[in-house]
Amino acid sequence: MIKHDPVEDTPEYQAVKDELEAKILALIGPSRGMGYCHLYWATKRKILREDYGIEWRSPAVLNPRIKFD
């Protein structure tokens, strides 16, 4: 089972998740295939930290033995 950051279950994250998704897509656009998840996660982490003060860890960080593409 792939781990996810428990911060995603907090009221603070839930309150901004739709706005967050819109900001991510506005910056990087829709998926462009292999490797996109890393750009997506880096952008998500940056926006969460800078705009909302939320520290978030990506699936790649939480699951170091899994190769994500």
C-alpha atoms as a PDB file:
ATOM      1  CA  MET A   1       0.000   0.000   0.000  1.00  0.00           C
ATOM      2  CA  ILE A   2       1.290   3.444  -0.911  1.00  0.00           C
ATOM      3  CA  LYS A   3       1.577   5.861   2.021  1.00  0.00           C
ATOM      4  CA  HIS A   4       0.152   9.367   1.786  1.00  0.00           C
ATOM      5  CA  ASP A   5       0.896  12.349   3.981  1.00  0.00           C
ATOM      6  CA  PRO A   6      -1.634  12.489   6.853  1.00  0.00           C
ATOM      7  CA  VAL A   7      -1.704  16.286   6.462  1.00  0.00           C
ATOM      8  CA  GLU A   8      -4.090  15.592   3.550  1.00  0.00           C
ATOM      9  CA  ASP A   9      -6.669  14.477   6.123  1.00  0.00           C
ATOM     10  CA  THR A  10      -6.537  17.715   8.130  1.00  0.00           C
ATOM     11  CA  PRO A  11      -9.260  20.373   7.985  1.00  0.00           C
ATOM     12  CA  GLU A  12      -6.635  22.947   6.900  1.00  0.00           C
ATOM     13  CA  TYR A  13      -5.671  20.919   3.822  1.00  0.00           C
ATOM     14  CA  GLN A  14      -9.238  19.934   2.997  1.00  0.00           C
ATOM     15  CA  ALA A  15     -10.252  23.604   3.044  1.00  0.00           C
ATOM     16  CA  VAL A  16      -7.770  24.510   0.299  1.00  0.00           C
ATOM     17  CA  LYS A  17      -7.489  21.350  -1.821  1.00  0.00           C
ATOM     18  CA  ASP A  18      -9.703  22.529  -4.705  1.00  0.00           C
ATOM     19  CA  GLU A  19      -8.008  25.929  -4.880  1.00  0.00           C
ATOM     20  CA  LEU A  20      -4.631  24.200  -4.609  1.00  0.00           C
ATOM     21  CA  GLU A  21      -5.401  21.925  -7.553  1.00  0.00           C
ATOM     22  CA  ALA A  22      -6.432  24.910  -9.678  1.00  0.00           C
ATOM     23  CA  LYS A  23      -3.189  26.734  -8.824  1.00  0.00           C
ATOM     24  CA  ILE A  24      -1.083  23.689  -9.694  1.00  0.00           C
ATOM     25  CA  LEU A  25      -2.772  23.212 -13.061  1.00  0.00           C
ATOM     26  CA  ALA A  26      -2.514  26.940 -13.835  1.00  0.00           C
ATOM     27  CA  LEU A  27       1.253  26.770 -13.303  1.00  0.00           C
ATOM     28  CA  ILE A  28       2.185  23.463 -14.927  1.00  0.00           C
ATOM     29  CA  GLY A  29      -0.808  22.437 -17.031  1.00  0.00           C
ATOM     30  CA  PRO A  30      -2.259  18.962 -17.417  1.00  0.00           C
ATOM     31  CA  SER A  31      -0.245  15.755 -17.396  1.00  0.00           C
ATOM     32  CA  ARG A  32       2.382  15.423 -20.077  1.00  0.00           C
ATOM     33  CA  GLY A  33       3.279  11.798 -19.458  1.00  0.00           C
ATOM     34  CA  MET A  34       6.240  10.169 -17.775  1.00  0.00           C
ATOM     35  CA  GLY A  35       7.826  12.103 -14.937  1.00  0.00           C
ATOM     36  CA  TYR A  36       4.944  14.565 -14.624  1.00  0.00           C
ATOM     37  CA  CYS A  37       4.147  13.401 -11.087  1.00  0.00           C
ATOM     38  CA  HIS A  38       7.490  14.754  -9.825  1.00  0.00           C
ATOM     39  CA  LEU A  39       6.824  18.218 -11.253  1.00  0.00           C
ATOM     40  CA  TYR A  40       3.265  18.077  -9.914  1.00  0.00           C
ATOM     41  CA  TRP A  41       4.395  17.096  -6.418  1.00  0.00           C
ATOM     42  CA  ALA A  42       7.179  19.705  -6.302  1.00  0.00           C
ATOM     43  CA  THR A  43       4.722  22.402  -7.373  1.00  0.00           C
ATOM     44  CA  LYS A  44       2.139  21.197  -4.853  1.00  0.00           C
ATOM     45  CA  ARG A  45       4.671  21.247  -2.028  1.00  0.00           C
ATOM     46  CA  LYS A  46       5.830  24.765  -2.918  1.00  0.00           C
ATOM     47  CA  ILE A  47       2.302  26.195  -3.131  1.00  0.00           C
ATOM     48  CA  LEU A  48       1.210  24.534   0.086  1.00  0.00           C
ATOM     49  CA  ARG A  49       4.225  25.884   1.954  1.00  0.00           C
ATOM     50  CA  GLU A  50       4.290  29.399   0.498  1.00  0.00           C
ATOM     51  CA  ASP A  51       0.570  30.137   0.148  1.00  0.00           C
ATOM     52  CA  TYR A  52      -0.918  28.185   3.025  1.00  0.00           C
ATOM     53  CA  GLY A  53       1.885  27.455   5.507  1.00  0.00           C
ATOM     54  CA  ILE A  54       1.282  23.714   5.186  1.00  0.00           C
ATOM     55  CA  GLU A  55       4.235  21.311   5.124  1.00  0.00           C
ATOM     56  CA  TRP A  56       3.428  18.380   2.845  1.00  0.00           C
ATOM     57  CA  ARG A  57       5.463  15.322   1.857  1.00  0.00           C
ATOM     58  CA  SER A  58       5.091  13.665  -1.524  1.00  0.00           C
ATOM     59  CA  PRO A  59       4.424   9.975  -2.105  1.00  0.00           C
ATOM     60  CA  ALA A  60       8.007   9.686  -3.389  1.00  0.00           C
ATOM     61  CA  VAL A  61       9.356  10.952  -0.058  1.00  0.00           C
ATOM     62  CA  LEU A  62       7.028   8.751   1.977  1.00  0.00           C
ATOM     63  CA  ASN A  63       7.643   5.634  -0.149  1.00  0.00           C
ATOM     64  CA  PRO A  64      11.372   5.663  -0.934  1.00  0.00           C
ATOM     65  CA  ARG A  65      11.416   2.068  -2.189  1.00  0.00           C
ATOM     66  CA  ILE A  66       8.833   2.745  -4.876  1.00  0.00           C
ATOM     67  CA  LYS A  67       9.855   4.222  -8.231  1.00  0.00           C
ATOM     68  CA  PHE A  68       7.319   6.776  -9.439  1.00  0.00           C
ATOM     69  CA  ASP A  69       7.190   7.888 -13.032  1.00  0.00           C
END
